[in-house]
C-alpha atoms as a PDB file:
ATOM      1  CA  UNK A   1      -2.625  12.675  -6.593  1.00  0.00           C
ATOM      2  CA  UNK A   2      -2.530  13.550  -2.918  1.00  0.00           C
ATOM      3  CA  UNK A   3      -1.776  10.743  -0.486  1.00  0.00           C
ATOM      4  CA  UNK A   4      -3.841  10.941   2.689  1.00  0.00           C
ATOM      5  CA  UNK A   5      -1.560   8.287   4.184  1.00  0.00           C
ATOM      6  CA  UNK A   6       1.468   6.805   2.431  1.00  0.00           C
ATOM      7  CA  UNK A   7       3.329   5.282   5.397  1.00  0.00           C
ATOM      8  CA  UNK A   8       1.848   2.914   7.970  1.00  0.00           C
ATOM      9  CA  UNK A   9       3.198   1.628  11.268  1.00  0.00           C
ATOM     10  CA  UNK A  10       1.536  -1.704  11.996  1.00  0.00           C
ATOM     11  CA  UNK A  11       3.158  -2.071  15.410  1.00  0.00           C
ATOM     12  CA  UNK A  12       3.603  -5.575  16.856  1.00  0.00           C
ATOM     13  CA  UNK A  13       2.225  -8.535  14.906  1.00  0.00           C
ATOM     14  CA  UNK A  14       2.319 -12.261  15.618  1.00  0.00           C
ATOM     15  CA  UNK A  15       4.123 -14.474  13.113  1.00  0.00           C
ATOM     16  CA  UNK A  16       1.510 -16.163  10.939  1.00  0.00           C
ATOM     17  CA  UNK A  17      -0.887 -13.209  11.122  1.00  0.00           C
ATOM     18  CA  UNK A  18      -2.081 -11.503   7.926  1.00  0.00           C
ATOM     19  CA  UNK A  19      -2.242  -7.735   8.403  1.00  0.00           C
ATOM     20  CA  UNK A  20      -4.657  -5.640   6.312  1.00  0.00           C
ATOM     21  CA  UNK A  21      -3.447  -2.188   5.271  1.00  0.00           C
ATOM     22  CA  UNK A  22      -5.321   0.667   3.592  1.00  0.00           C
ATOM     23  CA  UNK A  23      -3.703   3.620   1.804  1.00  0.00           C
ATOM     24  CA  UNK A  24      -6.077   6.451   0.913  1.00  0.00           C
ATOM     25  CA  UNK A  25      -5.545   9.021  -1.804  1.00  0.00           C
ATOM     26  CA  UNK A  26      -7.386  11.868  -3.496  1.00  0.00           C
ATOM     27  CA  UNK A  27      -7.331  12.898  -7.120  1.00  0.00           C
ATOM     28  CA  UNK A  28      -6.186  16.489  -6.654  1.00  0.00           C
ATOM     29  CA  UNK A  29      -5.770  17.009 -10.399  1.00  0.00           C
ATOM     30  CA  UNK A  30      -8.119  18.210 -13.113  1.00  0.00           C
ATOM     31  CA  UNK A  31      -8.283  14.955 -15.112  1.00  0.00           C
ATOM     32  CA  UNK A  32      -9.319  11.391 -14.283  1.00  0.00           C
ATOM     33  CA  UNK A  33      -6.684   9.518 -12.295  1.00  0.00           C
ATOM     34  CA  UNK A  34      -5.758   5.961 -13.228  1.00  0.00           C
ATOM     35  CA  UNK A  35      -3.828   3.604 -10.970  1.00  0.00           C
ATOM     36  CA  UNK A  36      -2.141   1.595 -13.701  1.00  0.00           C
ATOM     37  CA  UNK A  37      -0.354  -0.949 -11.509  1.00  0.00           C
ATOM     38  CA  UNK A  38       0.795  -1.526  -7.936  1.00  0.00           C
ATOM     39  CA  UNK A  39       3.958  -3.600  -7.556  1.00  0.00           C
ATOM     40  CA  UNK A  40       4.668  -5.008  -4.070  1.00  0.00           C
ATOM     41  CA  UNK A  41       8.306  -5.118  -2.991  1.00  0.00           C
ATOM     42  CA  UNK A  42       8.054  -8.770  -1.920  1.00  0.00           C
ATOM     43  CA  UNK A  43       5.915 -11.865  -2.325  1.00  0.00           C
ATOM     44  CA  UNK A  44       4.654 -11.511   1.256  1.00  0.00           C
ATOM     45  CA  UNK A  45       2.423  -8.586   0.236  1.00  0.00           C
ATOM     46  CA  UNK A  46      -0.672  -8.791  -1.974  1.00  0.00           C
ATOM     47  CA  UNK A  47      -2.378  -5.639  -3.243  1.00  0.00           C
ATOM     48  CA  UNK A  48      -5.726  -4.592  -4.655  1.00  0.00           C
ATOM     49  CA  UNK A  49      -6.356  -1.204  -6.239  1.00  0.00           C
ATOM     50  CA  UNK A  50      -9.087   0.636  -8.169  1.00  0.00           C
ATOM     51  CA  UNK A  51      -9.230  -0.420 -11.820  1.00  0.00           C
ATOM     52  CA  UNK A  52     -11.590   2.428 -12.753  1.00  0.00           C
ATOM     53  CA  UNK A  53     -10.847   6.102 -13.291  1.00  0.00           C
ATOM     54  CA  UNK A  54     -10.927   8.237 -10.151  1.00  0.00           C
ATOM     55  CA  UNK A  55     -12.596  11.546 -11.117  1.00  0.00           C
ATOM     56  CA  UNK A  56     -11.065  14.873 -10.005  1.00  0.00           C
ATOM     57  CA  UNK A  57     -11.834  15.601  -6.354  1.00  0.00           C
ATOM     58  CA  UNK A  58     -12.741  12.004  -5.489  1.00  0.00           C
ATOM     59  CA  UNK A  59     -10.900   9.644  -3.154  1.00  0.00           C
ATOM     60  CA  UNK A  60      -9.718   6.094  -3.659  1.00  0.00           C
ATOM     61  CA  UNK A  61      -8.015   3.351  -1.697  1.00  0.00           C
ATOM     62  CA  UNK A  62      -5.234   0.837  -2.221  1.00  0.00           C
ATOM     63  CA  UNK A  63      -5.554  -2.261  -0.062  1.00  0.00           C
ATOM     64  CA  UNK A  64      -2.651  -4.496   0.906  1.00  0.00           C
ATOM     65  CA  UNK A  65      -2.335  -7.745   2.860  1.00  0.00           C
ATOM     66  CA  UNK A  66       0.976  -8.557   4.564  1.00  0.00           C
ATOM     67  CA  UNK A  67       1.526 -12.243   5.396  1.00  0.00           C
ATOM     68  CA  UNK A  68       3.905 -12.455   8.369  1.00  0.00           C
ATOM     69  CA  UNK A  69       4.716 -16.176   8.016  1.00  0.00           C
ATOM     70  CA  UNK A  70       8.491 -16.584   8.181  1.00  0.00           C
ATOM     71  CA  UNK A  71       9.024 -12.851   8.761  1.00  0.00           C
ATOM     72  CA  UNK A  72      10.082 -12.594  12.434  1.00  0.00           C
ATOM     73  CA  UNK A  73      11.687  -9.366  13.646  1.00  0.00           C
ATOM     74  CA  UNK A  74      11.543  -5.778  12.376  1.00  0.00           C
ATOM     75  CA  UNK A  75      10.024  -5.467   8.904  1.00  0.00           C
ATOM     76  CA  UNK A  76      10.005  -2.524   6.489  1.00  0.00           C
ATOM     77  CA  UNK A  77       8.202  -3.146   3.199  1.00  0.00           C
ATOM     78  CA  UNK A  78       7.263  -0.994   0.235  1.00  0.00           C
ATOM     79  CA  UNK A  79       5.201  -1.047  -2.920  1.00  0.00           C
ATOM     80  CA  UNK A  80       5.371   1.091  -6.046  1.00  0.00           C
ATOM     81  CA  UNK A  81       2.205   2.673  -7.425  1.00  0.00           C
ATOM     82  CA  UNK A  82       2.231   3.467 -11.157  1.00  0.00           C
ATOM     83  CA  UNK A  83      -0.210   6.184 -12.272  1.00  0.00           C
ATOM     84  CA  UNK A  84      -1.040   8.417 -15.229  1.00  0.00           C
ATOM     85  CA  UNK A  85       0.234  11.521 -13.384  1.00  0.00           C
ATOM     86  CA  UNK A  86       3.213  13.631 -14.441  1.00  0.00           C
ATOM     87  CA  UNK A  87       5.336  12.147 -11.638  1.00  0.00           C
ATOM     88  CA  UNK A  88       4.259   8.669 -12.719  1.00  0.00           C
ATOM     89  CA  UNK A  89       5.077   6.503  -9.726  1.00  0.00           C
ATOM     90  CA  UNK A  90       4.944   6.716  -5.957  1.00  0.00           C
ATOM     91  CA  UNK A  91       6.207   4.581  -3.087  1.00  0.00           C
ATOM     92  CA  UNK A  92       4.023   3.396  -0.228  1.00  0.00           C
ATOM     93  CA  UNK A  93       5.628   2.002   2.929  1.00  0.00           C
ATOM     94  CA  UNK A  94       4.741   0.043   6.026  1.00  0.00           C
ATOM     95  CA  UNK A  95       6.696  -1.289   8.952  1.00  0.00           C
ATOM     96  CA  UNK A  96       6.006  -3.754  11.730  1.00  0.00           C
ATOM     97  CA  UNK A  97       7.735  -5.894  14.311  1.00  0.00           C
ATOM     98  CA  UNK A  98       6.779  -9.547  13.932  1.00  0.00           C
ATOM     99  CA  UNK A  99       7.004 -11.689  17.060  1.00  0.00           C
ATOM    100  CA  UNK A 100       8.106 -15.246  16.379  1.00  0.00           C
ATOM    101  CA  UNK A 101       5.656 -17.996  17.331  1.00  0.00           C
ATOM    102  CA  UNK A 102       6.968 -20.141  20.161  1.00  0.00           C
END
């Protein structure tokens, strides 16, 4: 698996906003790639990922939604991606600064 983007900087967000994040990857191997599970680091992040095999040479996408409610200030969050590759799991990251609602 080759990550086309594994770290995202979301910049400034307003508290209460839900940010959408996309992580793209390519199956750089010679066998079908399976994303077995994606585990967010906190309950503020919800993920969706391909449930089908990604053939060699094809690209896929993991989508995440970050709910900023109650998360004022600098935020650094991660999620763990479990795959059928030799390495097995990978970490994806994002950061943002959430401005408190007045």
